[in-house]
């Protein structure tokens, strides 16, 4: 079984320290992957109905750092662990910026055609 961890990227996290430290520690512990997510939209009054009484989201859950920036920080300090996003909303992000940040070897046009068709 291969296990992965989600990297810290919420409010209240020291991204310059915590992401790097989490990535190093996870790799040395033998985790197979490190993950991020993208959240572009947040509800104005978010609640968690599954908590039993519509408990409001904690403030730190209402914002997330850019997933590719977090993965870049992790990549600088790791060698073997896999890196990925569980959610990346590519259709609302500029193709050229996304391709460049992801290190794609394709042009923006090739990337768009491959993902959405000509």
PDB file of N, CA and C in Angstrom:
ATOM      1  N   UNK A   1       0.842  -1.164   0.000  1.00  0.00           N
ATOM      2  CA  UNK A   1       0.000   0.000   0.000  1.00  0.00           C
ATOM      3  C   UNK A   1       0.898   1.241   0.000  1.00  0.00           C
ATOM      4  N   UNK A   2       0.521   2.215  -0.820  1.00  0.00           N
ATOM      5  CA  UNK A   2       1.259   3.485  -0.880  1.00  0.00           C
ATOM      6  C   UNK A   2       0.391   4.559  -0.255  1.00  0.00           C
ATOM      7  N   UNK A   3       0.969   5.338   0.625  1.00  0.00           N
ATOM      8  CA  UNK A   3       0.231   6.392   1.310  1.00  0.00           C
ATOM      9  C   UNK A   3       0.764   7.761   0.928  1.00  0.00           C
ATOM     10  N   UNK A   4      -0.134   8.740   0.912  1.00  0.00           N
ATOM     11  CA  UNK A   4       0.247  10.119   0.645  1.00  0.00           C
ATOM     12  C   UNK A   4      -0.335  11.037   1.689  1.00  0.00           C
ATOM     13  N   UNK A   5       0.151  12.259   1.723  1.00  0.00           N
ATOM     14  CA  UNK A   5      -0.309  13.290   2.653  1.00  0.00           C
ATOM     15  C   UNK A   5      -0.687  14.549   1.904  1.00  0.00           C
ATOM     16  N   UNK A   6      -1.635  15.293   2.464  1.00  0.00           N
ATOM     17  CA  UNK A   6      -1.954  16.617   1.937  1.00  0.00           C
ATOM     18  C   UNK A   6      -1.034  17.621   2.615  1.00  0.00           C
ATOM     19  N   UNK A   7      -0.397  18.456   1.822  1.00  0.00           N
ATOM     20  CA  UNK A   7       0.499  19.481   2.360  1.00  0.00           C
ATOM     21  C   UNK A   7      -0.298  20.623   2.992  1.00  0.00           C
ATOM     22  N   UNK A   8       0.254  21.281   4.000  1.00  0.00           N
ATOM     23  CA  UNK A   8      -0.445  22.418   4.608  1.00  0.00           C
ATOM     24  C   UNK A   8      -0.535  23.578   3.628  1.00  0.00           C
ATOM     25  N   UNK A   9      -1.718  24.181   3.527  1.00  0.00           N
ATOM     26  CA  UNK A   9      -1.865  25.331   2.640  1.00  0.00           C
ATOM     27  C   UNK A   9      -3.011  26.248   3.055  1.00  0.00           C
ATOM     28  N   UNK A  10      -3.479  26.135   4.291  1.00  0.00           N
ATOM     29  CA  UNK A  10      -4.585  26.970   4.775  1.00  0.00           C
ATOM     30  C   UNK A  10      -4.076  28.181   5.538  1.00  0.00           C
ATOM     31  N   UNK A  11      -5.008  29.078   5.874  1.00  0.00           N
ATOM     32  CA  UNK A  11      -4.670  30.219   6.715  1.00  0.00           C
ATOM     33  C   UNK A  11      -4.084  29.737   8.033  1.00  0.00           C
ATOM     34  N   UNK A  12      -3.202  30.519   8.612  1.00  0.00           N
ATOM     35  CA  UNK A  12      -2.625  30.163   9.890  1.00  0.00           C
ATOM     36  C   UNK A  12      -1.408  29.262   9.765  1.00  0.00           C
ATOM     37  N   UNK A  13      -1.009  28.934   8.544  1.00  0.00           N
ATOM     38  CA  UNK A  13       0.155  28.092   8.310  1.00  0.00           C
ATOM     39  C   UNK A  13       1.300  28.987   7.849  1.00  0.00           C
ATOM     40  N   UNK A  14       2.478  28.760   8.380  1.00  0.00           N
ATOM     41  CA  UNK A  14       3.666  29.469   7.908  1.00  0.00           C
ATOM     42  C   UNK A  14       4.157  28.717   6.673  1.00  0.00           C
ATOM     43  N   UNK A  15       3.690  29.125   5.511  1.00  0.00           N
ATOM     44  CA  UNK A  15       3.967  28.378   4.281  1.00  0.00           C
ATOM     45  C   UNK A  15       5.466  28.232   4.018  1.00  0.00           C
ATOM     46  N   UNK A  16       6.257  29.240   4.305  1.00  0.00           N
ATOM     47  CA  UNK A  16       7.695  29.164   4.034  1.00  0.00           C
ATOM     48  C   UNK A  16       8.373  28.101   4.892  1.00  0.00           C
ATOM     49  N   UNK A  17       7.857  27.839   6.045  1.00  0.00           N
ATOM     50  CA  UNK A  17       8.457  26.847   6.934  1.00  0.00           C
ATOM     51  C   UNK A  17       7.703  25.525   6.908  1.00  0.00           C
ATOM     52  N   UNK A  18       6.392  25.569   7.100  1.00  0.00           N
ATOM     53  CA  UNK A  18       5.607  24.357   7.312  1.00  0.00           C
ATOM     54  C   UNK A  18       5.535  23.447   6.087  1.00  0.00           C
ATOM     55  N   UNK A  19       5.418  24.015   4.891  1.00  0.00           N
ATOM     56  CA  UNK A  19       5.359  23.190   3.685  1.00  0.00           C
ATOM     57  C   UNK A  19       6.677  22.456   3.497  1.00  0.00           C
ATOM     58  N   UNK A  20       7.771  23.172   3.634  1.00  0.00           N
ATOM     59  CA  UNK A  20       9.097  22.579   3.464  1.00  0.00           C
ATOM     60  C   UNK A  20       9.335  21.489   4.510  1.00  0.00           C
ATOM     61  N   UNK A  21       9.021  21.784   5.746  1.00  0.00           N
ATOM     62  CA  UNK A  21       9.233  20.817   6.826  1.00  0.00           C
ATOM     63  C   UNK A  21       8.339  19.582   6.649  1.00  0.00           C
ATOM     64  N   UNK A  22       7.076  19.798   6.278  1.00  0.00           N
ATOM     65  CA  UNK A  22       6.162  18.668   6.064  1.00  0.00           C
ATOM     66  C   UNK A  22       6.647  17.801   4.905  1.00  0.00           C
ATOM     67  N   UNK A  23       7.105  18.419   3.822  1.00  0.00           N
ATOM     68  CA  UNK A  23       7.576  17.660   2.660  1.00  0.00           C
ATOM     69  C   UNK A  23       8.807  16.834   3.012  1.00  0.00           C
ATOM     70  N   UNK A  24       9.767  17.441   3.676  1.00  0.00           N
ATOM     71  CA  UNK A  24      10.983  16.714   4.081  1.00  0.00           C
ATOM     72  C   UNK A  24      10.642  15.539   5.010  1.00  0.00           C
ATOM     73  N   UNK A  25       9.812  15.815   5.995  1.00  0.00           N
ATOM     74  CA  UNK A  25       9.458  14.798   6.983  1.00  0.00           C
ATOM     75  C   UNK A  25       8.695  13.646   6.341  1.00  0.00           C
ATOM     76  N   UNK A  26       7.742  13.970   5.466  1.00  0.00           N
ATOM     77  CA  UNK A  26       6.953  12.927   4.802  1.00  0.00           C
ATOM     78  C   UNK A  26       7.830  12.048   3.920  1.00  0.00           C
ATOM     79  N   UNK A  27       8.737  12.668   3.178  1.00  0.00           N
ATOM     80  CA  UNK A  27       9.617  11.880   2.319  1.00  0.00           C
ATOM     81  C   UNK A  27      10.527  10.978   3.149  1.00  0.00           C
ATOM     82  N   UNK A  28      11.087  11.508   4.222  1.00  0.00           N
ATOM     83  CA  UNK A  28      11.977  10.687   5.048  1.00  0.00           C
ATOM     84  C   UNK A  28      11.217   9.575   5.770  1.00  0.00           C
ATOM     85  N   UNK A  29       9.921   9.763   5.993  1.00  0.00           N
ATOM     86  CA  UNK A  29       9.101   8.731   6.635  1.00  0.00           C
ATOM     87  C   UNK A  29       8.624   7.677   5.631  1.00  0.00           C
ATOM     88  N   UNK A  30       8.886   7.902   4.341  1.00  0.00           N
ATOM     89  CA  UNK A  30       8.541   6.913   3.331  1.00  0.00           C
ATOM     90  C   UNK A  30       7.199   7.088   2.653  1.00  0.00           C
ATOM     91  N   UNK A  31       6.554   8.231   2.819  1.00  0.00           N
ATOM     92  CA  UNK A  31       5.282   8.453   2.124  1.00  0.00           C
ATOM     93  C   UNK A  31       5.513   8.489   0.611  1.00  0.00           C
ATOM     94  N   UNK A  32       4.538   8.018  -0.140  1.00  0.00           N
ATOM     95  CA  UNK A  32       4.670   7.917  -1.590  1.00  0.00           C
ATOM     96  C   UNK A  32       4.320   9.206  -2.317  1.00  0.00           C
ATOM     97  N   UNK A  33       3.441  10.031  -1.734  1.00  0.00           N
ATOM     98  CA  UNK A  33       2.995  11.228  -2.433  1.00  0.00           C
ATOM     99  C   UNK A  33       2.644  12.356  -1.497  1.00  0.00           C
ATOM    100  N   UNK A  34       2.737  13.560  -2.025  1.00  0.00           N
ATOM    101  CA  UNK A  34       2.332  14.781  -1.326  1.00  0.00           C
ATOM    102  C   UNK A  34       1.338  15.494  -2.216  1.00  0.00           C
ATOM    103  N   UNK A  35       0.239  15.950  -1.625  1.00  0.00           N
ATOM    104  CA  UNK A  35      -0.885  16.462  -2.399  1.00  0.00           C
ATOM    105  C   UNK A  35      -1.311  17.850  -1.961  1.00  0.00           C
ATOM    106  N   UNK A  36      -1.885  18.578  -2.899  1.00  0.00           N
ATOM    107  CA  UNK A  36      -2.516  19.867  -2.620  1.00  0.00           C
ATOM    108  C   UNK A  36      -3.896  19.851  -3.277  1.00  0.00           C
ATOM    109  N   UNK A  37      -4.621  20.922  -3.101  1.00  0.00           N
ATOM    110  CA  UNK A  37      -5.926  21.083  -3.740  1.00  0.00           C
ATOM    111  C   UNK A  37      -6.090  22.556  -4.069  1.00  0.00           C
ATOM    112  N   UNK A  38      -7.031  22.838  -4.945  1.00  0.00           N
ATOM    113  CA  UNK A  38      -7.338  24.225  -5.271  1.00  0.00           C
ATOM    114  C   UNK A  38      -8.769  24.510  -4.880  1.00  0.00           C
ATOM    115  N   UNK A  39      -8.958  25.606  -4.207  1.00  0.00           N
ATOM    116  CA  UNK A  39     -10.315  26.051  -3.867  1.00  0.00           C
ATOM    117  C   UNK A  39     -10.397  27.520  -4.261  1.00  0.00           C
ATOM    118  N   UNK A  40     -11.147  27.788  -5.320  1.00  0.00           N
ATOM    119  CA  UNK A  40     -11.257  29.153  -5.824  1.00  0.00           C
ATOM    120  C   UNK A  40     -12.429  29.914  -5.225  1.00  0.00           C
ATOM    121  N   UNK A  41     -13.491  29.210  -4.898  1.00  0.00           N
ATOM    122  CA  UNK A  41     -14.703  29.853  -4.398  1.00  0.00           C
ATOM    123  C   UNK A  41     -15.017  29.338  -3.001  1.00  0.00           C
ATOM    124  N   UNK A  42     -15.494  30.238  -2.161  1.00  0.00           N
ATOM    125  CA  UNK A  42     -15.867  29.883  -0.802  1.00  0.00           C
ATOM    126  C   UNK A  42     -17.256  30.418  -0.521  1.00  0.00           C
ATOM    127  N   UNK A  43     -18.098  29.649   0.144  1.00  0.00           N
ATOM    128  CA  UNK A  43     -19.421  30.169   0.491  1.00  0.00           C
ATOM    129  C   UNK A  43     -19.307  31.322   1.485  1.00  0.00           C
ATOM    130  N   UNK A  44     -20.247  32.261   1.424  1.00  0.00           N
ATOM    131  CA  UNK A  44     -20.203  33.404   2.346  1.00  0.00           C
ATOM    132  C   UNK A  44     -20.405  32.974   3.791  1.00  0.00           C
ATOM    133  N   UNK A  45     -21.302  32.044   4.019  1.00  0.00           N
ATOM    134  CA  UNK A  45     -21.567  31.558   5.381  1.00  0.00           C
ATOM    135  C   UNK A  45     -21.488  30.034   5.378  1.00  0.00           C
ATOM    136  N   UNK A  46     -20.282  29.481   5.240  1.00  0.00           N
ATOM    137  CA  UNK A  46     -20.163  28.035   5.118  1.00  0.00           C
ATOM    138  C   UNK A  46     -20.488  27.318   6.428  1.00  0.00           C
ATOM    139  N   UNK A  47     -21.229  26.233   6.303  1.00  0.00           N
ATOM    140  CA  UNK A  47     -21.535  25.386   7.460  1.00  0.00           C
ATOM    141  C   UNK A  47     -21.311  23.935   7.071  1.00  0.00           C
ATOM    142  N   UNK A  48     -21.091  23.105   8.065  1.00  0.00           N
ATOM    143  CA  UNK A  48     -20.868  21.682   7.859  1.00  0.00           C
ATOM    144  C   UNK A  48     -22.058  20.913   8.401  1.00  0.00           C
ATOM    145  N   UNK A  49     -23.020  20.565   7.544  1.00  0.00           N
ATOM    146  CA  UNK A  49     -24.230  19.891   8.032  1.00  0.00           C
ATOM    147  C   UNK A  49     -23.944  18.517   8.625  1.00  0.00           C
ATOM    148  N   UNK A  50     -22.868  17.867   8.203  1.00  0.00           N
ATOM    149  CA  UNK A  50     -22.562  16.537   8.718  1.00  0.00           C
ATOM    150  C   UNK A  50     -22.022  16.576  10.149  1.00  0.00           C
ATOM    151  N   UNK A  51     -21.714  17.750  10.661  1.00  0.00           N
ATOM    152  CA  UNK A  51     -21.195  17.863  12.029  1.00  0.00           C
ATOM    153  C   UNK A  51     -22.312  17.756  13.057  1.00  0.00           C
ATOM    154  N   UNK A  52     -23.552  17.772  12.625  1.00  0.00           N
ATOM    155  CA  UNK A  52     -24.662  17.570  13.531  1.00  0.00           C
ATOM    156  C   UNK A  52     -25.543  18.779  13.739  1.00  0.00           C
ATOM    157  N   UNK A  53     -24.988  19.976  13.672  1.00  0.00           N
ATOM    158  CA  UNK A  53     -25.828  21.151  13.934  1.00  0.00           C
ATOM    159  C   UNK A  53     -25.400  22.354  13.100  1.00  0.00           C
ATOM    160  N   UNK A  54     -25.066  22.120  11.851  1.00  0.00           N
ATOM    161  CA  UNK A  54     -24.634  23.197  10.945  1.00  0.00           C
ATOM    162  C   UNK A  54     -23.541  24.055  11.568  1.00  0.00           C
ATOM    163  N   UNK A  55     -22.475  23.411  11.996  1.00  0.00           N
ATOM    164  CA  UNK A  55     -21.334  24.087  12.607  1.00  0.00           C
ATOM    165  C   UNK A  55     -20.612  24.901  11.537  1.00  0.00           C
ATOM    166  N   UNK A  56     -20.296  26.184  11.800  1.00  0.00           N
ATOM    167  CA  UNK A  56     -19.570  26.985  10.797  1.00  0.00           C
ATOM    168  C   UNK A  56     -18.163  26.437  10.562  1.00  0.00           C
ATOM    169  N   UNK A  57     -17.692  26.637   9.341  1.00  0.00           N
ATOM    170  CA  UNK A  57     -16.319  26.250   9.038  1.00  0.00           C
ATOM    171  C   UNK A  57     -15.377  27.082   9.899  1.00  0.00           C
ATOM    172  N   UNK A  58     -14.265  26.500  10.317  1.00  0.00           N
ATOM    173  CA  UNK A  58     -13.253  27.314  11.005  1.00  0.00           C
ATOM    174  C   UNK A  58     -12.682  28.351  10.042  1.00  0.00           C
ATOM    175  N   UNK A  59     -12.288  29.474  10.556  1.00  0.00           N
ATOM    176  CA  UNK A  59     -11.757  30.558   9.721  1.00  0.00           C
ATOM    177  C   UNK A  59     -10.590  30.080   8.847  1.00  0.00           C
ATOM    178  N   UNK A  60      -9.714  29.232   9.379  1.00  0.00           N
ATOM    179  CA  UNK A  60      -8.547  28.792   8.611  1.00  0.00           C
ATOM    180  C   UNK A  60      -8.916  27.924   7.412  1.00  0.00           C
ATOM    181  N   UNK A  61     -10.136  27.431   7.348  1.00  0.00           N
ATOM    182  CA  UNK A  61     -10.563  26.595   6.227  1.00  0.00           C
ATOM    183  C   UNK A  61     -11.167  27.405   5.089  1.00  0.00           C
ATOM    184  N   UNK A  62     -11.213  28.701   5.237  1.00  0.00           N
ATOM    185  CA  UNK A  62     -11.892  29.537   4.244  1.00  0.00           C
ATOM    186  C   UNK A  62     -10.964  30.123   3.190  1.00  0.00           C
ATOM    187  N   UNK A  63      -9.715  29.713   3.192  1.00  0.00           N
ATOM    188  CA  UNK A  63      -8.774  30.191   2.192  1.00  0.00           C
ATOM    189  C   UNK A  63      -7.670  29.157   2.033  1.00  0.00           C
ATOM    190  N   UNK A  64      -7.137  29.013   0.833  1.00  0.00           N
ATOM    191  CA  UNK A  64      -6.065  28.053   0.584  1.00  0.00           C
ATOM    192  C   UNK A  64      -5.023  28.686  -0.329  1.00  0.00           C
ATOM    193  N   UNK A  65      -3.757  28.399  -0.049  1.00  0.00           N
ATOM    194  CA  UNK A  65      -2.661  28.897  -0.876  1.00  0.00           C
ATOM    195  C   UNK A  65      -2.689  28.213  -2.243  1.00  0.00           C
ATOM    196  N   UNK A  66      -2.080  28.838  -3.224  1.00  0.00           N
ATOM    197  CA  UNK A  66      -2.007  28.309  -4.580  1.00  0.00           C
ATOM    198  C   UNK A  66      -1.375  26.915  -4.571  1.00  0.00           C
ATOM    199  N   UNK A  67      -2.047  25.916  -5.147  1.00  0.00           N
ATOM    200  CA  UNK A  67      -1.539  24.547  -5.076  1.00  0.00           C
ATOM    201  C   UNK A  67      -0.214  24.337  -5.796  1.00  0.00           C
ATOM    202  N   UNK A  68      -0.007  25.003  -6.920  1.00  0.00           N
ATOM    203  CA  UNK A  68       1.252  24.816  -7.648  1.00  0.00           C
ATOM    204  C   UNK A  68       2.419  25.485  -6.941  1.00  0.00           C
ATOM    205  N   UNK A  69       2.171  26.597  -6.257  1.00  0.00           N
ATOM    206  CA  UNK A  69       3.233  27.231  -5.472  1.00  0.00           C
ATOM    207  C   UNK A  69       3.633  26.340  -4.297  1.00  0.00           C
ATOM    208  N   UNK A  70       2.655  25.732  -3.649  1.00  0.00           N
ATOM    209  CA  UNK A  70       2.938  24.826  -2.536  1.00  0.00           C
ATOM    210  C   UNK A  70       3.728  23.616  -3.032  1.00  0.00           C
ATOM    211  N   UNK A  71       3.334  23.044  -4.169  1.00  0.00           N
ATOM    212  CA  UNK A  71       4.058  21.902  -4.722  1.00  0.00           C
ATOM    213  C   UNK A  71       5.473  22.284  -5.149  1.00  0.00           C
ATOM    214  N   UNK A  72       5.648  23.499  -5.628  1.00  0.00           N
ATOM    215  CA  UNK A  72       6.983  23.964  -6.007  1.00  0.00           C
ATOM    216  C   UNK A  72       7.896  23.999  -4.788  1.00  0.00           C
ATOM    217  N   UNK A  73       7.385  24.519  -3.682  1.00  0.00           N
ATOM    218  CA  UNK A  73       8.180  24.551  -2.441  1.00  0.00           C
ATOM    219  C   UNK A  73       8.553  23.137  -2.012  1.00  0.00           C
ATOM    220  N   UNK A  74       7.613  22.197  -2.130  1.00  0.00           N
ATOM    221  CA  UNK A  74       7.892  20.810  -1.761  1.00  0.00           C
ATOM    222  C   UNK A  74       8.920  20.182  -2.702  1.00  0.00           C
ATOM    223  N   UNK A  75       8.834  20.511  -3.983  1.00  0.00           N
ATOM    224  CA  UNK A  75       9.754  19.934  -4.968  1.00  0.00           C
ATOM    225  C   UNK A  75      11.195  20.356  -4.725  1.00  0.00           C
ATOM    226  N   UNK A  76      11.380  21.547  -4.211  1.00  0.00           N
ATOM    227  CA  UNK A  76      12.733  22.055  -3.963  1.00  0.00           C
ATOM    228  C   UNK A  76      13.459  21.218  -2.914  1.00  0.00           C
ATOM    229  N   UNK A  77      12.721  20.653  -1.959  1.00  0.00           N
ATOM    230  CA  UNK A  77      13.369  19.965  -0.835  1.00  0.00           C
ATOM    231  C   UNK A  77      13.166  18.445  -0.845  1.00  0.00           C
ATOM    232  N   UNK A  78      12.578  17.897  -1.900  1.00  0.00           N
ATOM    233  CA  UNK A  78      12.378  16.454  -1.976  1.00  0.00           C
ATOM    234  C   UNK A  78      13.008  15.900  -3.240  1.00  0.00           C
ATOM    235  N   UNK A  79      13.215  14.572  -3.258  1.00  0.00           N
ATOM    236  CA  UNK A  79      13.822  13.937  -4.431  1.00  0.00           C
ATOM    237  C   UNK A  79      13.004  12.786  -4.992  1.00  0.00           C
ATOM    238  N   UNK A  80      12.335  12.004  -4.121  1.00  0.00           N
ATOM    239  CA  UNK A  80      11.689  10.775  -4.566  1.00  0.00           C
ATOM    240  C   UNK A  80      10.173  10.782  -4.470  1.00  0.00           C
ATOM    241  N   UNK A  81       9.620  11.541  -3.570  1.00  0.00           N
ATOM    242  CA  UNK A  81       8.185  11.503  -3.317  1.00  0.00           C
ATOM    243  C   UNK A  81       7.422  12.091  -4.511  1.00  0.00           C
ATOM    244  N   UNK A  82       6.268  11.502  -4.827  1.00  0.00           N
ATOM    245  CA  UNK A  82       5.427  12.021  -5.904  1.00  0.00           C
ATOM    246  C   UNK A  82       4.687  13.272  -5.455  1.00  0.00           C
ATOM    247  N   UNK A  83       4.423  14.173  -6.374  1.00  0.00           N
ATOM    248  CA  UNK A  83       3.723  15.425  -6.075  1.00  0.00           C
ATOM    249  C   UNK A  83       2.499  15.535  -6.973  1.00  0.00           C
ATOM    250  N   UNK A  84       1.373  15.992  -6.405  1.00  0.00           N
ATOM    251  CA  UNK A  84       0.181  16.110  -7.230  1.00  0.00           C
ATOM    252  C   UNK A  84      -0.881  16.992  -6.614  1.00  0.00           C
ATOM    253  N   UNK A  85      -1.840  17.369  -7.437  1.00  0.00           N
ATOM    254  CA  UNK A  85      -3.001  18.115  -6.957  1.00  0.00           C
ATOM    255  C   UNK A  85      -4.211  17.203  -7.014  1.00  0.00           C
ATOM    256  N   UNK A  86      -4.992  17.201  -5.956  1.00  0.00           N
ATOM    257  CA  UNK A  86      -6.222  16.424  -5.989  1.00  0.00           C
ATOM    258  C   UNK A  86      -7.296  17.201  -6.738  1.00  0.00           C
ATOM    259  N   UNK A  87      -7.182  18.532  -6.745  1.00  0.00           N
ATOM    260  CA  UNK A  87      -8.091  19.396  -7.497  1.00  0.00           C
ATOM    261  C   UNK A  87      -7.276  20.551  -8.064  1.00  0.00           C
ATOM    262  N   UNK A  88      -7.375  20.764  -9.366  1.00  0.00           N
ATOM    263  CA  UNK A  88      -6.782  21.927 -10.023  1.00  0.00           C
ATOM    264  C   UNK A  88      -7.782  22.358 -11.078  1.00  0.00           C
ATOM    265  N   UNK A  89      -8.355  23.531 -10.911  1.00  0.00           N
ATOM    266  CA  UNK A  89      -9.408  24.015 -11.800  1.00  0.00           C
ATOM    267  C   UNK A  89      -8.742  24.706 -12.988  1.00  0.00           C
ATOM    268  N   UNK A  90      -8.266  23.895 -13.928  1.00  0.00           N
ATOM    269  CA  UNK A  90      -7.464  24.399 -15.041  1.00  0.00           C
ATOM    270  C   UNK A  90      -8.258  25.255 -16.015  1.00  0.00           C
ATOM    271  N   UNK A  91      -9.552  25.044 -16.132  1.00  0.00           N
ATOM    272  CA  UNK A  91     -10.334  25.767 -17.128  1.00  0.00           C
ATOM    273  C   UNK A  91     -10.550  27.229 -16.774  1.00  0.00           C
ATOM    274  N   UNK A  92     -10.348  27.605 -15.526  1.00  0.00           N
ATOM    275  CA  UNK A  92     -10.515  29.005 -15.159  1.00  0.00           C
ATOM    276  C   UNK A  92      -9.178  29.702 -14.956  1.00  0.00           C
ATOM    277  N   UNK A  93      -8.097  29.014 -15.270  1.00  0.00           N
ATOM    278  CA  UNK A  93      -6.764  29.560 -15.126  1.00  0.00           C
ATOM    279  C   UNK A  93      -6.169  29.708 -16.518  1.00  0.00           C
ATOM    280  N   UNK A  94      -5.364  30.714 -16.713  1.00  0.00           N
ATOM    281  CA  UNK A  94      -4.702  30.952 -17.985  1.00  0.00           C
ATOM    282  C   UNK A  94      -3.869  29.734 -18.393  1.00  0.00           C
ATOM    283  N   UNK A  95      -4.073  29.216 -19.608  1.00  0.00           N
ATOM    284  CA  UNK A  95      -3.371  28.021 -20.081  1.00  0.00           C
ATOM    285  C   UNK A  95      -1.857  28.172 -20.046  1.00  0.00           C
ATOM    286  N   UNK A  96      -1.362  29.312 -20.479  1.00  0.00           N
ATOM    287  CA  UNK A  96       0.079  29.517 -20.545  1.00  0.00           C
ATOM    288  C   UNK A  96       0.679  29.496 -19.142  1.00  0.00           C
ATOM    289  N   UNK A  97       0.046  30.190 -18.197  1.00  0.00           N
ATOM    290  CA  UNK A  97       0.562  30.211 -16.822  1.00  0.00           C
ATOM    291  C   UNK A  97       0.519  28.821 -16.210  1.00  0.00           C
ATOM    292  N   UNK A  98      -0.578  28.103 -16.402  1.00  0.00           N
ATOM    293  CA  UNK A  98      -0.711  26.756 -15.849  1.00  0.00           C
ATOM    294  C   UNK A  98       0.352  25.830 -16.432  1.00  0.00           C
ATOM    295  N   UNK A  99       0.547  25.874 -17.735  1.00  0.00           N
ATOM    296  CA  UNK A  99       1.545  25.016 -18.375  1.00  0.00           C
ATOM    297  C   UNK A  99       2.946  25.352 -17.887  1.00  0.00           C
ATOM    298  N   UNK A 100       3.254  26.632 -17.799  1.00  0.00           N
ATOM    299  CA  UNK A 100       4.583  27.034 -17.344  1.00  0.00           C
ATOM    300  C   UNK A 100       4.816  26.616 -15.896  1.00  0.00           C
ATOM    301  N   UNK A 101       3.826  26.829 -15.033  1.00  0.00           N
ATOM    302  CA  UNK A 101       3.975  26.478 -13.627  1.00  0.00           C
ATOM    303  C   UNK A 101       4.063  24.974 -13.431  1.00  0.00           C
ATOM    304  N   UNK A 102       3.384  24.215 -14.254  1.00  0.00           N
ATOM    305  CA  UNK A 102       3.412  22.761 -14.135  1.00  0.00           C
ATOM    306  C   UNK A 102       4.640  22.166 -14.823  1.00  0.00           C
ATOM    307  N   UNK A 103       5.417  23.008 -15.492  1.00  0.00           N
ATOM    308  CA  UNK A 103       6.619  22.532 -16.166  1.00  0.00           C
ATOM    309  C   UNK A 103       6.312  21.732 -17.418  1.00  0.00           C
ATOM    310  N   UNK A 104       5.209  22.034 -18.056  1.00  0.00           N
ATOM    311  CA  UNK A 104       4.796  21.280 -19.240  1.00  0.00           C
ATOM    312  C   UNK A 104       5.762  21.517 -20.391  1.00  0.00           C
ATOM    313  N   UNK A 105       5.993  20.475 -21.145  1.00  0.00           N
ATOM    314  CA  UNK A 105       6.834  20.571 -22.331  1.00  0.00           C
ATOM    315  C   UNK A 105       6.013  20.910 -23.566  1.00  0.00           C
ATOM    316  N   UNK A 106       4.715  21.039 -23.386  1.00  0.00           N
ATOM    317  CA  UNK A 106       3.819  21.333 -24.489  1.00  0.00           C
ATOM    318  C   UNK A 106       3.572  22.836 -24.567  1.00  0.00           C
ATOM    319  N   UNK A 107       3.194  23.285 -25.746  1.00  0.00           N
ATOM    320  CA  UNK A 107       2.772  24.669 -25.865  1.00  0.00           C
ATOM    321  C   UNK A 107       1.371  24.797 -25.289  1.00  0.00           C
ATOM    322  N   UNK A 108       0.947  25.995 -25.035  1.00  0.00           N
ATOM    323  CA  UNK A 108      -0.392  26.216 -24.488  1.00  0.00           C
ATOM    324  C   UNK A 108      -1.468  25.685 -25.433  1.00  0.00           C
ATOM    325  N   UNK A 109      -1.267  25.836 -26.745  1.00  0.00           N
ATOM    326  CA  UNK A 109      -2.251  25.355 -27.712  1.00  0.00           C
ATOM    327  C   UNK A 109      -2.331  23.831 -27.663  1.00  0.00           C
ATOM    328  N   UNK A 110      -1.179  23.149 -27.622  1.00  0.00           N
ATOM    329  CA  UNK A 110      -1.172  21.680 -27.542  1.00  0.00           C
ATOM    330  C   UNK A 110      -1.837  21.210 -26.254  1.00  0.00           C
ATOM    331  N   UNK A 111      -1.566  21.900 -25.172  1.00  0.00           N
ATOM    332  CA  UNK A 111      -2.155  21.544 -23.886  1.00  0.00           C
ATOM    333  C   UNK A 111      -3.676  21.700 -23.927  1.00  0.00           C
ATOM    334  N   UNK A 112      -4.152  22.808 -24.479  1.00  0.00           N
ATOM    335  CA  UNK A 112      -5.601  23.031 -24.555  1.00  0.00           C
ATOM    336  C   UNK A 112      -6.262  21.987 -25.456  1.00  0.00           C
ATOM    337  N   UNK A 113      -5.664  21.698 -26.607  1.00  0.00           N
ATOM    338  CA  UNK A 113      -6.254  20.707 -27.515  1.00  0.00           C
ATOM    339  C   UNK A 113      -6.290  19.322 -26.891  1.00  0.00           C
ATOM    340  N   UNK A 114      -5.265  18.974 -26.144  1.00  0.00           N
ATOM    341  CA  UNK A 114      -5.215  17.657 -25.516  1.00  0.00           C
ATOM    342  C   UNK A 114      -6.261  17.540 -24.407  1.00  0.00           C
ATOM    343  N   UNK A 115      -6.519  18.629 -23.698  1.00  0.00           N
ATOM    344  CA  UNK A 115      -7.431  18.558 -22.559  1.00  0.00           C
ATOM    345  C   UNK A 115      -8.872  18.901 -22.900  1.00  0.00           C
ATOM    346  N   UNK A 116      -9.110  19.760 -23.904  1.00  0.00           N
ATOM    347  CA  UNK A 116     -10.480  20.160 -24.199  1.00  0.00           C
ATOM    348  C   UNK A 116     -10.890  19.915 -25.649  1.00  0.00           C
ATOM    349  N   UNK A 117      -9.957  19.505 -26.486  1.00  0.00           N
ATOM    350  CA  UNK A 117     -10.269  19.292 -27.903  1.00  0.00           C
ATOM    351  C   UNK A 117      -9.934  20.521 -28.708  1.00  0.00           C
ATOM    352  N   UNK A 118      -9.798  20.370 -30.029  1.00  0.00           N
ATOM    353  CA  UNK A 118      -9.418  21.511 -30.892  1.00  0.00           C
ATOM    354  C   UNK A 118     -10.497  22.559 -30.973  1.00  0.00           C
TER     355      UNK A 118
END
